[in-house]
Protein backbone atom coordinates (compact mmCIF):
# COMPACT_ATOMS: atom_id res chain seq x y z
CA UNK A 1 3.17 3.30 8.24
CA UNK A 2 1.86 2.78 4.70
CA UNK A 3 3.36 -0.16 2.82
CA UNK A 4 3.93 -0.23 -0.94
CA UNK A 5 4.75 -3.30 -3.02
CA UNK A 6 7.10 -2.64 -5.95
CA UNK A 7 6.94 -5.31 -8.68
CA UNK A 8 9.72 -4.29 -11.06
CA UNK A 9 12.68 -6.17 -12.59
CA UNK A 10 14.91 -3.14 -13.26
CA UNK A 11 17.17 -2.84 -10.18
CA UNK A 12 17.93 0.83 -10.84
CA UNK A 13 14.24 1.76 -10.86
CA UNK A 14 13.64 -0.31 -7.73
CA UNK A 15 16.53 1.41 -5.95
CA UNK A 16 15.29 4.85 -7.00
CA UNK A 17 11.74 4.13 -5.82
CA UNK A 18 12.94 2.60 -2.57
CA UNK A 19 15.04 5.65 -1.67
CA UNK A 20 12.34 8.21 -2.42
CA UNK A 21 9.46 6.25 -0.87
CA UNK A 22 11.49 5.63 2.27
CA UNK A 23 12.16 9.37 2.49
CA UNK A 24 8.38 9.86 2.53
CA UNK A 25 8.06 7.32 5.36
CA UNK A 26 6.61 4.53 3.23
CA UNK A 27 7.64 0.95 3.90
CA UNK A 28 8.52 -0.91 0.71
CA UNK A 29 8.50 -4.57 -0.28
CA UNK A 30 10.13 -5.57 -3.55
CA UNK A 31 9.64 -8.35 -6.08
CA UNK A 32 11.64 -8.66 -9.30
CA UNK A 33 9.46 -11.15 -11.14
CA UNK A 34 5.75 -11.47 -11.78
CA UNK A 35 5.03 -14.75 -10.02
CA UNK A 36 6.72 -13.63 -6.80
CA UNK A 37 4.98 -10.26 -7.00
CA UNK A 38 1.53 -11.80 -7.46
CA UNK A 39 2.06 -14.12 -4.50
CA UNK A 40 3.03 -11.20 -2.28
CA UNK A 41 0.14 -9.06 -3.57
CA UNK A 42 -2.44 -11.75 -2.86
CA UNK A 43 -1.15 -12.74 0.57
CA UNK A 44 -0.32 -9.35 2.08
CA UNK A 45 -2.50 -6.26 2.55
CA UNK A 46 -0.49 -3.53 0.86
CA UNK A 47 -1.69 0.07 0.64
CA UNK A 48 -0.54 0.40 -2.98
CA UNK A 49 1.21 -1.65 -5.67
CA UNK A 50 3.60 -0.22 -8.26
CA UNK A 51 3.47 -2.72 -11.09
CA UNK A 52 5.70 -2.93 -14.15
CA UNK A 53 3.97 -4.10 -17.31
CA UNK A 54 6.81 -6.26 -18.66
CA UNK A 55 8.11 -8.78 -16.12
CA UNK A 56 9.72 -12.23 -16.04
CA UNK A 57 7.40 -15.25 -15.46
CA UNK A 58 4.14 -13.24 -15.41
CA UNK A 59 3.35 -9.88 -17.00
CA UNK A 60 1.67 -6.91 -15.35
CA UNK A 61 -1.62 -7.34 -17.22
CA UNK A 62 -2.05 -10.89 -15.93
CA UNK A 63 -1.05 -9.85 -12.40
CA UNK A 64 -3.57 -6.99 -12.41
CA UNK A 65 -6.29 -9.29 -13.76
CA UNK A 66 -5.63 -11.93 -11.08
CA UNK A 67 -5.38 -9.31 -8.37
CA UNK A 68 -8.67 -7.65 -9.31
CA UNK A 69 -10.49 -10.96 -9.07
CA UNK A 70 -9.54 -11.23 -5.40
CA UNK A 71 -8.48 -7.87 -3.92
CA UNK A 72 -9.00 -4.13 -4.37
CA UNK A 73 -5.46 -2.91 -3.65
CA UNK A 74 -4.75 0.26 -5.68
CA UNK A 75 -2.36 -0.30 -8.60
CA UNK A 76 -0.14 2.13 -10.50
CA UNK A 77 1.21 0.56 -13.68
CA UNK A 78 4.60 1.39 -15.19
CA UNK A 79 4.67 1.14 -18.99
CA UNK A 80 6.95 1.98 -21.90
CA UNK A 81 5.79 4.63 -24.37
CA UNK A 82 5.46 1.94 -27.07
CA UNK A 83 2.94 -0.04 -25.00
CA UNK A 84 -0.14 2.12 -25.68
CA UNK A 85 -2.51 -0.81 -26.27
CA UNK A 86 -1.36 -2.63 -23.15
CA UNK A 87 -1.65 0.56 -21.13
CA UNK A 88 -5.28 0.96 -22.16
CA UNK A 89 -5.89 -2.72 -21.39
CA UNK A 90 -4.30 -2.24 -17.97
CA UNK A 91 -6.71 0.58 -17.15
CA UNK A 92 -9.67 -1.43 -18.38
CA UNK A 93 -8.88 -4.43 -16.19
CA UNK A 94 -8.51 -2.31 -13.09
CA UNK A 95 -5.24 -0.38 -12.81
CA UNK A 96 -5.85 2.90 -10.99
CA UNK A 97 -3.24 4.92 -12.82
CA UNK A 98 -0.26 4.50 -15.12
CA UNK A 99 2.96 6.34 -15.84
CA UNK A 100 5.26 5.88 -18.82
CA UNK A 101 8.99 5.23 -18.66
CA UNK A 102 11.21 7.14 -18.44
CA UNK A 103 9.32 9.01 -15.76
CA UNK A 104 9.94 11.89 -13.40
CA UNK A 105 10.20 10.59 -9.83
CA UNK A 106 8.42 13.75 -8.69
CA UNK A 107 5.49 13.00 -10.99
CA UNK A 108 5.30 9.37 -9.85
CA UNK A 109 5.28 10.41 -6.19
CA UNK A 110 2.47 12.86 -6.96
CA UNK A 111 0.51 10.06 -8.64
CA UNK A 112 1.06 7.78 -5.63
CA UNK A 113 -0.21 10.43 -3.23
CA UNK A 114 -3.22 11.16 -5.46
CA UNK A 115 -4.23 7.49 -5.72
CA UNK A 116 -3.90 7.04 -1.96
CA UNK A 117 -5.97 10.15 -1.30
CA UNK A 118 -8.70 8.95 -3.64
CA UNK A 119 -8.68 5.51 -2.07
CA UNK A 120 -8.78 6.68 1.54
CA UNK A 121 -11.17 9.57 1.24
CA UNK A 122 -14.67 9.84 -0.13
CA UNK A 123 -14.89 12.00 -3.20
CA UNK A 124 -15.85 15.61 -2.54
CA UNK A 125 -18.69 15.03 -4.98
CA UNK A 126 -20.40 12.41 -2.80
CA UNK A 127 -22.88 13.10 -0.02
CA UNK A 128 -21.93 13.49 3.62
CA UNK A 129 -23.67 10.23 4.52
CA UNK A 130 -21.39 7.35 5.49
CA UNK A 131 -23.83 4.75 4.15
CA UNK A 132 -26.18 4.48 1.18
CA UNK A 133 -29.07 2.04 0.76
CA UNK A 134 -31.12 1.30 -2.35
CA UNK A 135 -33.33 -1.76 -2.86
CA UNK A 136 -31.12 -4.49 -1.44
CA UNK A 137 -27.89 -2.64 -2.12
CA UNK A 138 -25.98 -1.29 0.91
CA UNK A 139 -22.83 0.80 0.58
CA UNK A 140 -20.72 1.48 3.68
CA UNK A 141 -18.52 4.35 2.51
CA UNK A 142 -16.26 4.50 5.57
CA UNK A 143 -15.50 0.78 5.50
CA UNK A 144 -15.49 0.64 1.70
CA UNK A 145 -17.86 -2.30 1.84
CA UNK A 146 -20.75 -3.16 -0.48
CA UNK A 147 -23.51 -5.66 0.30
CA UNK A 148 -26.10 -6.95 -2.13
CA UNK A 149 -28.97 -8.78 -0.39
CA UNK A 150 -26.61 -9.08 2.62
CA UNK A 151 -23.89 -10.73 0.51
CA UNK A 152 -20.55 -8.93 0.30
CA UNK A 153 -19.59 -7.76 -3.19
CA UNK A 154 -15.90 -7.32 -4.00
CA UNK A 155 -15.25 -4.17 -6.02
CA UNK A 156 -12.04 -2.67 -7.32
CA UNK A 157 -11.20 0.84 -6.03
CA UNK A 158 -12.44 2.47 -9.24
CA UNK A 159 -15.64 0.41 -9.30
CA UNK A 160 -16.31 1.41 -5.70
CA UNK A 161 -15.66 5.10 -6.39
CA UNK A 162 -17.95 5.06 -9.43
CA UNK A 163 -20.72 3.41 -7.44
CA UNK A 164 -20.40 5.79 -4.48
CA UNK A 165 -20.30 8.87 -6.69
CA UNK A 166 -23.43 7.95 -8.64
CA UNK A 167 -25.37 6.45 -5.72
CA UNK A 168 -24.69 9.61 -3.71
CA UNK A 169 -26.32 11.66 -6.45
CA UNK A 170 -29.23 9.53 -7.72
CA UNK A 171 -30.83 10.80 -10.90
CA UNK A 172 -27.88 12.96 -11.89
CA UNK A 173 -26.65 12.22 -15.39
CA UNK A 174 -22.88 11.85 -15.78
CA UNK A 175 -21.14 11.91 -19.13
CA UNK A 176 -18.27 9.51 -19.66
CA UNK A 177 -15.86 12.43 -19.74
CA UNK A 178 -17.17 13.72 -16.40
CA UNK A 179 -16.77 10.31 -14.79
CA UNK A 180 -13.31 9.95 -16.28
CA UNK A 181 -12.18 13.30 -14.90
CA UNK A 182 -13.86 12.89 -11.50
CA UNK A 183 -12.67 9.34 -10.82
CA UNK A 184 -9.45 8.99 -12.81
CA UNK A 185 -8.25 12.56 -13.13
CA UNK A 186 -7.04 14.75 -16.02
CA UNK A 187 -4.31 12.30 -17.03
CA UNK A 188 -6.79 10.07 -18.81
CA UNK A 189 -8.18 12.36 -21.51
CA UNK A 190 -9.16 10.25 -24.51
CA UNK A 191 -9.85 7.07 -22.55
CA UNK A 192 -13.64 7.40 -22.20
CA UNK A 193 -14.07 3.74 -23.20
CA UNK A 194 -12.35 2.86 -19.91
CA UNK A 195 -15.46 4.19 -18.14
CA UNK A 196 -17.63 1.81 -20.19
CA UNK A 197 -15.47 -1.15 -19.20
CA UNK A 198 -15.66 -0.30 -15.50
CA UNK A 199 -19.41 0.32 -15.64
CA UNK A 200 -19.89 -3.06 -17.34
CA UNK A 201 -17.84 -4.86 -14.69
CA UNK A 202 -19.68 -3.01 -11.92
CA UNK A 203 -23.03 -3.96 -13.41
CA UNK A 204 -21.93 -7.59 -13.72
CA UNK A 205 -21.38 -7.62 -9.97
CA UNK A 206 -24.51 -5.82 -8.74
CA UNK A 207 -27.17 -6.24 -11.44
CA UNK A 208 -29.28 -9.42 -11.69
CA UNK A 209 -30.04 -8.66 -15.35
CA UNK A 210 -27.34 -6.86 -17.31
CA UNK A 211 -29.76 -6.21 -20.17
CA UNK A 212 -32.21 -4.44 -17.84
CA UNK A 213 -30.15 -2.87 -15.04
CA UNK A 214 -31.88 -1.72 -11.88
CA UNK A 215 -29.17 0.41 -10.25
CA UNK A 216 -26.91 1.96 -12.89
CA UNK A 217 -28.90 3.18 -15.87
CA UNK A 218 -27.70 4.28 -19.28
CA UNK A 219 -28.87 7.72 -20.35
CA UNK A 220 -28.78 7.43 -24.11
CA UNK A 221 -26.68 10.09 -25.77
CA UNK A 222 -25.35 11.29 -22.40
CA UNK A 223 -23.81 8.64 -20.18
CA UNK A 224 -24.93 7.03 -16.93
CA UNK A 225 -26.92 7.72 -13.79
CA UNK A 226 -27.98 5.93 -10.60
CA UNK A 227 -31.68 5.04 -10.55
CA UNK A 228 -33.41 7.73 -8.46
CA UNK A 229 -36.63 5.70 -8.22
CA UNK A 230 -35.05 3.11 -5.91
CA UNK A 231 -32.97 5.38 -3.69
CA UNK A 232 -33.82 5.52 0.00
């Protein structure tokens, strides 16, 4: 049974989510303040976290930031319509999706299913191979594990999906809009800078020289590609 952590201080929203997620055979754990939610998120392996942006003791941005430094659990962020800047920031620090309040429970459930599908399954745009190697970089797609010179590299779900997509198609140029649509989905039109932020964080983890990357190359005027000259 899949387990979802709900970090939300509005009891009515928590009750609504609990009822509908239970109907779909999800197990739920609830936290009504940020500090409690972060502790649960860090110490338990949840399949997904529904995270409110505005919380007592610790806000959703800080929770997402702390979580991404240690784990890759998928996160859907709940935000108010007035929190546009914070919503963008949430995506850039690693949230997998967001939905604005008030929201349709049917839409939120669809988002949950979509994030879980993307997390559990390899993108249709990747190769059939379950592992990719390229000059010291090893990607185990099935186990969602990345090694660099035999050292494990912790990636967020979106960083992993970006890496797998491009490494599976070395030499193919991807525009920021293509990457946004293929990895995040249609909901994120207008957030192309989010791709830049994720690429920069991914490079910081796998490149020895950010100024002269070896794996993920910038195609000026287009976007990004994985270096075909080092692919096995």
